[in-house]
Amino acid sequence: MKQKASQRLQTVLNLAQIKEQQAAEKLSGSIRQLALSQQQEQQLIHYKHEYSQQFKNVADKAESGTVSATQLANYQRFYDSLEAAGNTQHEQVELASQQQEQARSLWQQHYARYKNMDKLVEKKRQYEANEAEKKLQREQDDRRISPQLK
């Protein structure tokens, strides 16, 4: 028996739905990654601010001679490494944001394809139902006319 067009298109619709779901999962993952990167960036900013306050206190003590130049240099090196880590983390946030936008765009494309295919399948089903109804009506009309001809 020949398969109806709507049944053949249903396979394509199922594939489109799978691709849309995969794209949605990728988008979800990229949203989580961006949130994590932003959280880590905020933690670094907070820690750098706290360390900056400590560094200021140490620098004040250095003026009074209670802290050595070596200790002061160590604080400065660590602060510089915090600054570099903050810059690197900011770059990670930017990259995660770009990846999220790409994932969102891809999902939107797959979602639109899926919805368009869904509409097409529904139109085909409606067309097939209308054609079946017309065929049934013709057959019934033929049965009514046939007895009258005899």
C-alpha atoms as a PDB file:
ATOM      1  CA  MET A   1       0.000   0.000   0.000  1.00  0.00           C
ATOM      2  CA  LYS A   2       1.288   3.419  -0.951  1.00  0.00           C
ATOM      3  CA  GLN A   3       2.228   5.656   1.968  1.00  0.00           C
ATOM      4  CA  LYS A   4       0.421   8.977   2.204  1.00  0.00           C
ATOM      5  CA  ALA A   5       2.403  12.179   1.721  1.00  0.00           C
ATOM      6  CA  SER A   6       1.647  13.248   5.289  1.00  0.00           C
ATOM      7  CA  GLN A   7       3.116   9.976   6.590  1.00  0.00           C
ATOM      8  CA  ARG A   8       6.276  10.442   4.535  1.00  0.00           C
ATOM      9  CA  LEU A   9       6.568  14.028   5.745  1.00  0.00           C
ATOM     10  CA  GLN A  10       6.064  12.872   9.341  1.00  0.00           C
ATOM     11  CA  THR A  11       9.514  11.259   9.168  1.00  0.00           C
ATOM     12  CA  VAL A  12      11.025  14.571   8.101  1.00  0.00           C
ATOM     13  CA  LEU A  13       9.078  16.307  10.878  1.00  0.00           C
ATOM     14  CA  ASN A  14      10.446  13.851  13.438  1.00  0.00           C
ATOM     15  CA  LEU A  15      14.002  14.558  12.277  1.00  0.00           C
ATOM     16  CA  ALA A  16      13.379  18.301  12.451  1.00  0.00           C
ATOM     17  CA  GLN A  17      12.055  17.898  15.979  1.00  0.00           C
ATOM     18  CA  ILE A  18      15.143  15.932  17.032  1.00  0.00           C
ATOM     19  CA  LYS A  19      17.435  18.630  15.623  1.00  0.00           C
ATOM     20  CA  GLU A  20      15.408  21.337  17.371  1.00  0.00           C
ATOM     21  CA  GLN A  21      15.652  19.479  20.693  1.00  0.00           C
ATOM     22  CA  GLN A  22      19.400  18.999  20.285  1.00  0.00           C
ATOM     23  CA  ALA A  23      19.815  22.700  19.527  1.00  0.00           C
ATOM     24  CA  ALA A  24      17.691  23.556  22.588  1.00  0.00           C
ATOM     25  CA  GLU A  25      19.917  21.359  24.773  1.00  0.00           C
ATOM     26  CA  LYS A  26      23.018  23.047  23.383  1.00  0.00           C
ATOM     27  CA  LEU A  27      21.471  26.455  24.093  1.00  0.00           C
ATOM     28  CA  SER A  28      20.644  25.381  27.635  1.00  0.00           C
ATOM     29  CA  GLY A  29      24.236  24.250  28.163  1.00  0.00           C
ATOM     30  CA  SER A  30      25.610  27.517  26.820  1.00  0.00           C
ATOM     31  CA  ILE A  31      23.309  29.491  29.137  1.00  0.00           C
ATOM     32  CA  ARG A  32      24.592  27.498  32.112  1.00  0.00           C
ATOM     33  CA  GLN A  33      28.206  28.007  30.997  1.00  0.00           C
ATOM     34  CA  LEU A  34      27.714  31.756  30.662  1.00  0.00           C
ATOM     35  CA  ALA A  35      26.121  31.965  34.113  1.00  0.00           C
ATOM     36  CA  LEU A  36      28.996  29.974  35.614  1.00  0.00           C
ATOM     37  CA  SER A  37      31.608  32.164  33.908  1.00  0.00           C
ATOM     38  CA  GLN A  38      29.857  35.319  35.100  1.00  0.00           C
ATOM     39  CA  GLN A  39      29.664  33.966  38.641  1.00  0.00           C
ATOM     40  CA  GLN A  40      33.381  33.143  38.609  1.00  0.00           C
ATOM     41  CA  GLU A  41      34.159  36.616  37.270  1.00  0.00           C
ATOM     42  CA  GLN A  42      32.133  38.213  40.066  1.00  0.00           C
ATOM     43  CA  GLN A  43      33.940  36.090  42.650  1.00  0.00           C
ATOM     44  CA  LEU A  44      37.307  37.187  41.266  1.00  0.00           C
ATOM     45  CA  ILE A  45      36.234  40.839  41.306  1.00  0.00           C
ATOM     46  CA  HIS A  46      35.075  40.488  44.916  1.00  0.00           C
ATOM     47  CA  TYR A  47      38.258  38.706  45.962  1.00  0.00           C
ATOM     48  CA  LYS A  48      40.418  41.260  44.157  1.00  0.00           C
ATOM     49  CA  HIS A  49      38.594  44.068  45.953  1.00  0.00           C
ATOM     50  CA  GLU A  50      39.161  42.395  49.347  1.00  0.00           C
ATOM     51  CA  TYR A  51      42.801  41.771  48.530  1.00  0.00           C
ATOM     52  CA  SER A  52      43.157  45.391  47.402  1.00  0.00           C
ATOM     53  CA  GLN A  53      41.992  46.506  50.835  1.00  0.00           C
ATOM     54  CA  GLN A  54      44.497  44.175  52.477  1.00  0.00           C
ATOM     55  CA  PHE A  55      47.224  45.462  50.170  1.00  0.00           C
ATOM     56  CA  LYS A  56      46.369  49.042  51.149  1.00  0.00           C
ATOM     57  CA  ASN A  57      46.640  48.134  54.839  1.00  0.00           C
ATOM     58  CA  VAL A  58      49.991  46.447  54.233  1.00  0.00           C
ATOM     59  CA  ALA A  59      51.213  49.466  52.262  1.00  0.00           C
ATOM     60  CA  ASP A  60      50.243  51.737  55.159  1.00  0.00           C
ATOM     61  CA  LYS A  61      52.213  49.492  57.523  1.00  0.00           C
ATOM     62  CA  ALA A  62      55.171  49.609  55.131  1.00  0.00           C
ATOM     63  CA  GLU A  63      55.365  53.351  55.596  1.00  0.00           C
ATOM     64  CA  SER A  64      55.761  52.820  59.348  1.00  0.00           C
ATOM     65  CA  GLY A  65      58.451  50.193  58.754  1.00  0.00           C
ATOM     66  CA  THR A  66      56.570  47.131  60.090  1.00  0.00           C
ATOM     67  CA  VAL A  67      56.381  45.423  56.693  1.00  0.00           C
ATOM     68  CA  SER A  68      59.394  44.581  54.579  1.00  0.00           C
ATOM     69  CA  ALA A  69      59.823  45.548  50.958  1.00  0.00           C
ATOM     70  CA  THR A  70      59.818  41.849  50.061  1.00  0.00           C
ATOM     71  CA  GLN A  71      56.400  41.351  51.640  1.00  0.00           C
ATOM     72  CA  LEU A  72      55.126  44.414  49.841  1.00  0.00           C
ATOM     73  CA  ALA A  73      56.508  43.112  46.520  1.00  0.00           C
ATOM     74  CA  ASN A  74      54.847  39.736  47.149  1.00  0.00           C
ATOM     75  CA  TYR A  75      51.503  41.425  47.729  1.00  0.00           C
ATOM     76  CA  GLN A  76      51.962  43.410  44.533  1.00  0.00           C
ATOM     77  CA  ARG A  77      52.840  40.316  42.474  1.00  0.00           C
ATOM     78  CA  PHE A  78      49.824  38.436  43.795  1.00  0.00           C
ATOM     79  CA  TYR A  79      47.566  41.421  43.118  1.00  0.00           C
ATOM     80  CA  ASP A  80      48.930  41.571  39.556  1.00  0.00           C
ATOM     81  CA  SER A  81      48.200  37.860  39.114  1.00  0.00           C
ATOM     82  CA  LEU A  82      44.635  38.472  40.376  1.00  0.00           C
ATOM     83  CA  GLU A  83      44.316  41.262  37.841  1.00  0.00           C
ATOM     84  CA  ALA A  84      45.492  38.949  35.039  1.00  0.00           C
ATOM     85  CA  ALA A  85      43.116  36.194  36.183  1.00  0.00           C
ATOM     86  CA  GLY A  86      40.285  38.726  36.178  1.00  0.00           C
ATOM     87  CA  ASN A  87      41.109  39.774  32.623  1.00  0.00           C
ATOM     88  CA  THR A  88      41.272  36.153  31.501  1.00  0.00           C
ATOM     89  CA  GLN A  89      37.953  35.400  33.178  1.00  0.00           C
ATOM     90  CA  HIS A  90      36.375  38.439  31.508  1.00  0.00           C
ATOM     91  CA  GLU A  91      37.522  37.059  28.150  1.00  0.00           C
ATOM     92  CA  GLN A  92      35.913  33.727  29.101  1.00  0.00           C
ATOM     93  CA  VAL A  93      32.636  35.523  29.841  1.00  0.00           C
ATOM     94  CA  GLU A  94      32.773  37.256  26.465  1.00  0.00           C
ATOM     95  CA  LEU A  95      33.464  33.954  24.697  1.00  0.00           C
ATOM     96  CA  ALA A  96      30.646  32.199  26.573  1.00  0.00           C
ATOM     97  CA  SER A  97      28.309  35.047  25.647  1.00  0.00           C
ATOM     98  CA  GLN A  98      29.204  34.717  21.970  1.00  0.00           C
ATOM     99  CA  GLN A  99      28.700  30.950  22.111  1.00  0.00           C
ATOM    100  CA  GLN A 100      25.323  31.445  23.748  1.00  0.00           C
ATOM    101  CA  GLU A 101      24.226  33.826  20.987  1.00  0.00           C
ATOM    102  CA  GLN A 102      25.363  31.348  18.338  1.00  0.00           C
ATOM    103  CA  ALA A 103      23.491  28.537  20.080  1.00  0.00           C
ATOM    104  CA  ARG A 104      20.372  30.729  20.370  1.00  0.00           C
ATOM    105  CA  SER A 105      20.520  31.577  16.673  1.00  0.00           C
ATOM    106  CA  LEU A 106      20.954  27.915  15.727  1.00  0.00           C
ATOM    107  CA  TRP A 107      18.045  26.894  17.969  1.00  0.00           C
ATOM    108  CA  GLN A 108      15.826  29.599  16.459  1.00  0.00           C
ATOM    109  CA  GLN A 109      16.611  28.307  12.964  1.00  0.00           C
ATOM    110  CA  HIS A 110      15.849  24.699  13.900  1.00  0.00           C
ATOM    111  CA  TYR A 111      12.705  25.717  15.766  1.00  0.00           C
ATOM    112  CA  ALA A 112      11.439  27.683  12.763  1.00  0.00           C
ATOM    113  CA  ARG A 113      12.131  24.720  10.452  1.00  0.00           C
ATOM    114  CA  TYR A 114      10.329  22.377  12.823  1.00  0.00           C
ATOM    115  CA  LYS A 115       7.265  24.652  13.103  1.00  0.00           C
ATOM    116  CA  ASN A 116       7.138  25.150   9.323  1.00  0.00           C
ATOM    117  CA  MET A 117       7.371  21.396   8.757  1.00  0.00           C
ATOM    118  CA  ASP A 118       4.671  20.823  11.373  1.00  0.00           C
ATOM    119  CA  LYS A 119       2.363  23.245   9.543  1.00  0.00           C
ATOM    120  CA  LEU A 120       3.093  21.533   6.223  1.00  0.00           C
ATOM    121  CA  VAL A 121       2.313  18.084   7.649  1.00  0.00           C
ATOM    122  CA  GLU A 122      -0.925  19.413   9.134  1.00  0.00           C
ATOM    123  CA  LYS A 123      -1.909  20.945   5.786  1.00  0.00           C
ATOM    124  CA  LYS A 124      -1.179  17.636   4.026  1.00  0.00           C
ATOM    125  CA  ARG A 125      -3.279  15.740   6.567  1.00  0.00           C
ATOM    126  CA  GLN A 126      -6.130  18.191   6.130  1.00  0.00           C
ATOM    127  CA  TYR A 127      -5.859  17.918   2.339  1.00  0.00           C
ATOM    128  CA  GLU A 128      -5.841  14.106   2.527  1.00  0.00           C
ATOM    129  CA  ALA A 129      -8.840  14.123   4.862  1.00  0.00           C
ATOM    130  CA  ASN A 130     -10.722  16.417   2.466  1.00  0.00           C
ATOM    131  CA  GLU A 131      -9.834  14.192  -0.488  1.00  0.00           C
ATOM    132  CA  ALA A 132     -10.968  11.086   1.403  1.00  0.00           C
ATOM    133  CA  GLU A 133     -14.213  12.842   2.265  1.00  0.00           C
ATOM    134  CA  LYS A 134     -14.764  13.791  -1.399  1.00  0.00           C
ATOM    135  CA  LYS A 135     -14.014  10.233  -2.515  1.00  0.00           C
ATOM    136  CA  LEU A 136     -16.452   8.819   0.008  1.00  0.00           C
ATOM    137  CA  GLN A 137     -19.095  11.316  -1.091  1.00  0.00           C
ATOM    138  CA  ARG A 138     -18.577  10.362  -4.774  1.00  0.00           C
ATOM    139  CA  GLU A 139     -18.890   6.675  -3.921  1.00  0.00           C
ATOM    140  CA  GLN A 140     -22.100   7.298  -2.015  1.00  0.00           C
ATOM    141  CA  ASP A 141     -23.460   9.393  -4.861  1.00  0.00           C
ATOM    142  CA  ASP A 142     -22.549   6.650  -7.353  1.00  0.00           C
ATOM    143  CA  ARG A 143     -24.417   4.068  -5.254  1.00  0.00           C
ATOM    144  CA  ARG A 144     -27.516   6.224  -5.179  1.00  0.00           C
ATOM    145  CA  ILE A 145     -27.403   6.826  -8.926  1.00  0.00           C
ATOM    146  CA  SER A 146     -26.586   3.207  -9.895  1.00  0.00           C
ATOM    147  CA  PRO A 147     -29.849   1.626  -8.603  1.00  0.00           C
ATOM    148  CA  GLN A 148     -31.881   4.241 -10.430  1.00  0.00           C
ATOM    149  CA  LEU A 149     -30.235   3.328 -13.772  1.00  0.00           C
ATOM    150  CA  LYS A 150     -31.276  -0.323 -13.594  1.00  0.00           C
END
